[in-house]
Amino acid sequence: MAPGETIIQVRGLRNCFGDQVIHDLLDLDVRRGEILGVVGGSGTGKSVLMRSIIGLQQPQSGTIEVFGESTVDRDEKDLIEIRKRWGILFQGGALFSTLTVAENVQVPIKEFYPAIGQAMLDGIAAYKVTMTGLPPEAAFKYPAELSGGMKKRAGLARALALDPELLFLDEPTAGLDPIGAAAFDELTLSLQRTLGLTVFLITHDLDSLHAICDRVAVLADRRVIAVGTIPELLALDHPWIQEYFNGPRGRVAAVGAHGEGGRGRT
C-alpha cells in the first residue's frame, strides 16, 4: 500500500449489546501513515469500535477490512497473519502482573514465532524497552514496581514487539500528569515518524489531538459524524463538536498547541 492509501476500511458497522445499539451504519477510513484520533462522549463506543476492527468484537452487521483483508467472521487461524502486522496498547497497559517487563514484551513473539531462542528474545525485549524510553533495568521489573507512566511505556514496548505497521492506542495518556502525557505524545509521534506507523488513537486528551494527530474522527449519534483536521471540524455546527473543541479545556489545548513553542501539527 502506498502512503495515504486506506489501511482500515469500515462500512455500515452495527454493534449492539442486547437492545442497546452502540453503532449503526458507522463508516470510517484510516489512511496509511497517519495518526488518527478517535473521540466521542462516554458510551459512544470508541473502544468497541477498536475491538471490532481487531476482531475481538463481532458486529451484528457491516464490513471491516484491515490491510485489504476482512476481520469479520474470520477463523482465528485466518487472522494470524493480519494480527502479526498490528500492535495494541490497551487502556491501562494490560500487562501480565506475574511477568517482568521483558517477559511481557516477549509474549507476542513467543505466540507467533515459537522457534525463536531465548537469547534473541532477550535481545529483542531489551531493544523494545529502550525504544520506548524506559531505562534498561526496567526490563527486569514487574508491573507492580512501575509508575503509571512506566507501565504505559512497557505496554507500548509489548505492542511494538513484532515491528507492526499499525498501532492501536486506547487512552494512552489517561491517568498521567500533564508532563508525563506530553512526553508520551512526543514518544508516539517520534515512533510514528521513525517507524512509518499508522496510529489509531482513542483519546479524551485535547492536548494529544492538537499535538500529534493528522485527523480526528468524531463518534456521536451511533456513527462517525465527521473526520478531518481540527480546523475542519471547528467549521462544522454540530453541538457536541463545538462544545468539545471550543469549551474552556478546548481553548487551553489550542493555545498550548498553536501558541508560542507549540507544534500545531493539525
Protein backbone atom coordinates (compact mmCIF):
# COMPACT_ATOMS: atom_id res chain seq x y z
CA MET A 1 0.00 0.00 0.00
CA ALA A 2 1.19 3.48 -0.83
CA PRO A 3 1.27 6.35 1.71
CA GLY A 4 -2.22 7.81 2.15
CA GLU A 5 -3.89 4.63 0.92
CA THR A 6 -6.68 3.26 3.10
CA ILE A 7 -5.33 0.76 5.63
CA ILE A 8 -8.57 0.33 7.64
CA GLN A 9 -11.99 0.49 5.99
CA VAL A 10 -15.21 0.19 8.00
CA ARG A 11 -18.59 0.22 6.25
CA GLY A 12 -22.10 0.00 7.67
CA LEU A 13 -20.95 -1.20 11.09
CA ARG A 14 -23.66 -2.10 13.58
CA ASN A 15 -22.85 -3.14 17.15
CA CYS A 16 -25.48 -3.97 19.76
CA PHE A 17 -25.50 -5.22 23.33
CA GLY A 18 -28.98 -6.57 23.88
CA ASP A 19 -31.40 -3.79 22.98
CA GLN A 20 -28.70 -1.13 23.24
CA VAL A 21 -27.41 -0.04 19.84
CA ILE A 22 -23.84 1.27 20.09
CA HIS A 23 -23.06 1.76 16.39
CA ASP A 24 -25.45 1.96 13.47
CA LEU A 25 -24.25 2.31 9.86
CA LEU A 26 -20.83 3.52 11.00
CA ASP A 27 -18.27 4.22 8.26
CA LEU A 28 -14.58 5.06 8.74
CA ASP A 29 -11.37 5.10 6.70
CA VAL A 30 -7.88 5.22 8.23
CA ARG A 31 -5.06 6.20 5.89
CA ARG A 32 -1.64 4.62 5.88
CA GLY A 33 0.94 6.71 7.74
CA GLU A 34 -1.44 8.96 9.65
CA ILE A 35 -2.19 9.39 13.32
CA LEU A 36 -5.98 9.32 13.54
CA GLY A 37 -7.51 10.49 16.79
CA VAL A 38 -10.88 8.99 17.73
CA VAL A 39 -13.04 11.00 20.11
CA GLY A 40 -16.59 10.89 21.41
CA GLY A 41 -18.64 11.17 24.55
CA SER A 42 -18.93 8.39 27.11
CA GLY A 43 -20.89 5.46 25.72
CA THR A 44 -20.26 6.24 22.05
CA GLY A 45 -18.32 3.01 21.64
CA LYS A 46 -14.79 4.12 20.90
CA SER A 47 -13.21 1.02 22.43
CA VAL A 48 -15.95 -1.17 20.95
CA LEU A 49 -15.02 0.19 17.53
CA MET A 50 -11.37 -0.70 18.09
CA ARG A 51 -12.28 -4.17 19.35
CA SER A 52 -14.44 -4.68 16.27
CA ILE A 53 -11.59 -3.72 13.97
CA ILE A 54 -9.14 -6.13 15.62
CA GLY A 55 -11.64 -8.98 15.68
CA LEU A 56 -12.36 -9.15 19.42
CA GLN A 57 -15.95 -7.94 18.95
CA GLN A 58 -18.13 -9.45 16.23
CA PRO A 59 -20.58 -6.84 14.90
CA GLN A 60 -24.21 -7.56 14.05
CA SER A 61 -23.61 -6.33 10.51
CA GLY A 62 -21.21 -4.35 8.36
CA THR A 63 -17.77 -4.94 6.88
CA ILE A 64 -14.27 -4.26 8.23
CA GLU A 65 -11.10 -4.59 6.21
CA VAL A 66 -7.56 -4.17 7.52
CA PHE A 67 -4.71 -4.33 5.00
CA GLY A 68 -7.39 -5.22 2.45
CA GLU A 69 -8.46 -8.31 4.42
CA SER A 70 -11.76 -8.78 6.24
CA THR A 71 -11.59 -9.19 10.03
CA VAL A 72 -15.30 -10.02 10.41
CA ASP A 73 -16.43 -13.63 10.86
CA ARG A 74 -12.97 -14.98 10.15
CA ASP A 75 -11.49 -18.12 11.64
CA GLU A 76 -8.79 -17.40 14.23
CA LYS A 77 -6.19 -19.11 12.05
CA ASP A 78 -7.07 -16.83 9.15
CA LEU A 79 -6.42 -13.75 11.28
CA ILE A 80 -2.94 -14.75 12.43
CA GLU A 81 -1.08 -13.16 9.52
CA ILE A 82 -3.07 -9.92 9.88
CA ARG A 83 -2.52 -9.75 13.65
CA LYS A 84 1.22 -10.03 13.18
CA ARG A 85 1.05 -6.66 11.41
CA TRP A 86 -0.55 -4.66 14.22
CA GLY A 87 0.24 -3.87 17.85
CA ILE A 88 -2.18 -2.86 20.59
CA LEU A 89 -1.78 -0.82 23.76
CA PHE A 90 -4.93 -1.44 25.78
CA GLN A 91 -6.15 1.08 28.30
CA GLY A 92 -4.04 0.87 31.45
CA GLY A 93 -1.32 -1.14 29.74
CA ALA A 94 -2.92 -4.55 30.44
CA LEU A 95 0.42 -6.08 31.44
CA PHE A 96 0.63 -9.58 32.88
CA SER A 97 1.31 -8.96 36.57
CA THR A 98 3.29 -12.17 37.12
CA LEU A 99 5.72 -11.44 34.26
CA THR A 100 8.58 -8.97 34.13
CA VAL A 101 8.51 -6.20 31.55
CA ALA A 102 10.89 -8.18 29.32
CA GLU A 103 8.71 -11.28 29.64
CA ASN A 104 5.62 -9.22 28.77
CA VAL A 105 7.32 -7.94 25.64
CA GLN A 106 8.24 -11.49 24.67
CA VAL A 107 4.66 -12.81 24.90
CA PRO A 108 3.53 -11.92 21.34
CA ILE A 109 6.87 -13.03 19.89
CA LYS A 110 6.56 -16.44 21.53
CA GLU A 111 2.95 -16.71 20.36
CA PHE A 112 3.69 -16.11 16.70
CA TYR A 113 7.33 -17.24 16.47
CA PRO A 114 7.78 -20.08 19.00
CA ALA A 115 11.06 -21.24 17.45
CA ILE A 116 12.97 -18.08 18.39
CA GLY A 117 15.59 -18.80 21.04
CA GLN A 118 15.72 -17.19 24.47
CA ALA A 119 18.89 -15.20 23.78
CA MET A 120 17.25 -13.49 20.80
CA LEU A 121 14.05 -12.96 22.76
CA ASP A 122 16.02 -11.21 25.50
CA GLY A 123 17.78 -9.03 22.93
CA ILE A 124 14.53 -8.01 21.23
CA ALA A 125 12.90 -7.21 24.58
CA ALA A 126 15.86 -5.08 25.67
CA TYR A 127 15.72 -3.16 22.39
CA LYS A 128 11.98 -2.51 22.63
CA VAL A 129 12.30 -1.38 26.25
CA THR A 130 14.99 1.13 25.26
CA MET A 131 12.98 2.22 22.22
CA THR A 132 10.11 3.34 24.44
CA GLY A 133 12.30 5.42 26.71
CA LEU A 134 12.48 3.08 29.69
CA PRO A 135 15.79 2.55 31.49
CA PRO A 136 17.41 -0.85 30.75
CA GLU A 137 16.85 -2.09 34.30
CA ALA A 138 13.07 -1.70 33.83
CA ALA A 139 13.14 -4.88 31.73
CA PHE A 140 13.64 -6.93 34.90
CA LYS A 141 10.90 -5.26 36.96
CA TYR A 142 7.33 -6.44 37.48
CA PRO A 143 4.36 -4.17 36.65
CA ALA A 144 3.67 -3.54 40.36
CA GLU A 145 7.14 -1.98 40.62
CA LEU A 146 6.48 0.55 37.86
CA SER A 147 4.92 4.00 37.90
CA GLY A 148 1.82 4.66 35.80
CA GLY A 149 3.85 6.25 33.04
CA MET A 150 6.35 3.40 33.00
CA LYS A 151 3.52 0.86 32.74
CA LYS A 152 2.22 2.67 29.66
CA ARG A 153 5.67 2.58 28.07
CA ALA A 154 6.08 -1.09 28.94
CA GLY A 155 2.72 -1.80 27.31
CA LEU A 156 3.86 0.17 24.28
CA ALA A 157 7.09 -1.86 24.14
CA ARG A 158 4.99 -5.03 24.01
CA ALA A 159 2.75 -3.51 21.31
CA LEU A 160 5.86 -2.87 19.21
CA ALA A 161 7.35 -6.33 19.78
CA LEU A 162 6.53 -7.63 16.29
CA ASP A 163 7.55 -4.45 14.42
CA PRO A 164 3.94 -3.66 13.45
CA GLU A 165 2.79 -1.39 10.65
CA LEU A 166 -0.38 -0.43 12.52
CA LEU A 167 -0.61 0.65 16.16
CA PHE A 168 -3.79 0.84 18.23
CA LEU A 169 -3.62 3.05 21.34
CA ASP A 170 -6.58 3.11 23.76
CA GLU A 171 -6.44 6.16 26.04
CA PRO A 172 -2.63 6.04 26.35
CA THR A 173 -2.34 9.27 28.37
CA ALA A 174 -5.24 8.60 30.75
CA GLY A 175 -4.10 8.87 34.36
CA LEU A 176 -0.82 10.58 33.51
CA ASP A 177 0.13 14.04 34.75
CA PRO A 178 0.46 16.76 32.08
CA ILE A 179 4.25 16.36 31.83
CA GLY A 180 4.02 12.59 31.52
CA ALA A 181 1.20 12.86 28.97
CA ALA A 182 3.15 15.33 26.84
CA ALA A 183 6.21 13.07 26.97
CA PHE A 184 4.11 10.09 25.82
CA ASP A 185 2.71 12.18 22.96
CA GLU A 186 6.23 13.07 21.86
CA LEU A 187 7.26 9.43 22.05
CA THR A 188 4.25 8.37 19.97
CA LEU A 189 4.98 10.96 17.29
CA SER A 190 8.69 10.10 17.22
CA LEU A 191 7.98 6.38 16.82
CA GLN A 192 5.34 7.03 14.18
CA ARG A 193 7.78 9.09 12.12
CA THR A 194 10.75 6.78 12.64
CA LEU A 195 8.93 3.51 12.01
CA GLY A 196 6.39 4.74 9.47
CA LEU A 197 3.48 3.63 11.65
CA THR A 198 -0.21 4.15 11.14
CA VAL A 199 -1.74 5.02 14.53
CA PHE A 200 -5.37 4.58 15.62
CA LEU A 201 -5.55 6.68 18.79
CA ILE A 202 -8.56 6.67 21.12
CA THR A 203 -8.28 9.62 23.47
CA HIS A 204 -10.09 12.25 25.51
CA ASP A 205 -6.89 14.31 25.70
CA LEU A 206 -7.31 17.51 23.72
CA ASP A 207 -3.61 18.25 24.02
CA SER A 208 -2.84 14.96 22.26
CA LEU A 209 -5.28 15.76 19.47
CA HIS A 210 -3.69 19.15 18.84
CA ALA A 211 -0.11 17.97 19.25
CA ILE A 212 0.15 14.77 17.22
CA CYS A 213 -2.99 13.89 15.25
CA ASP A 214 -3.24 14.37 11.50
CA ARG A 215 -7.00 13.93 11.54
CA VAL A 216 -9.72 13.37 14.15
CA ALA A 217 -12.80 11.14 13.83
CA VAL A 218 -15.79 12.14 15.96
CA LEU A 219 -18.20 9.48 17.23
CA ALA A 220 -21.71 10.67 18.02
CA ASP A 221 -25.25 9.63 17.20
CA ARG A 222 -24.07 5.98 16.87
CA ARG A 223 -21.74 6.68 13.97
CA VAL A 224 -18.73 8.71 12.84
CA ILE A 225 -20.31 12.10 12.20
CA ALA A 226 -17.14 13.82 10.93
CA VAL A 227 -13.48 13.19 10.14
CA GLY A 228 -10.95 15.91 9.49
CA THR A 229 -8.34 18.23 10.89
CA ILE A 230 -9.32 20.22 13.95
CA PRO A 231 -9.84 23.43 11.90
CA GLU A 232 -12.10 21.46 9.55
CA LEU A 233 -14.10 20.08 12.48
CA LEU A 234 -14.43 23.53 14.03
CA ALA A 235 -16.09 24.72 10.82
CA LEU A 236 -18.98 22.30 11.47
CA ASP A 237 -22.00 23.31 13.52
CA HIS A 238 -22.62 20.04 15.35
CA PRO A 239 -23.24 21.00 19.02
CA TRP A 240 -21.04 18.26 20.55
CA ILE A 241 -18.09 19.16 18.32
CA GLN A 242 -18.40 22.84 19.19
CA GLU A 243 -18.72 22.13 22.91
CA TYR A 244 -15.79 19.71 22.89
CA PHE A 245 -13.31 21.82 20.97
CA ASN A 246 -14.48 25.30 21.99
CA GLY A 247 -15.12 24.66 25.68
CA PRO A 248 -12.71 26.01 28.33
CA ARG A 249 -10.41 22.98 28.11
CA GLY A 250 -10.52 23.05 24.33
CA ARG A 251 -9.34 26.66 24.20
CA VAL A 252 -6.47 25.95 26.60
CA ALA A 253 -5.33 22.99 24.49
CA ALA A 254 -5.50 25.06 21.31
CA VAL A 255 -3.34 27.79 22.83
CA GLY A 256 -0.82 25.22 24.04
CA ALA A 257 -0.53 23.55 20.65
CA HIS A 258 -0.64 26.58 18.38
CA GLY A 259 0.83 29.27 20.58
CA GLU A 260 4.45 30.08 21.21
CA GLY A 261 6.51 26.90 21.19
CA GLY A 262 3.62 24.68 20.06
CA ARG A 263 3.95 22.45 17.02
CA GLY A 264 0.35 22.63 15.90
CA ARG A 265 0.58 19.50 13.73
CA THR A 266 -3.12 19.63 12.80
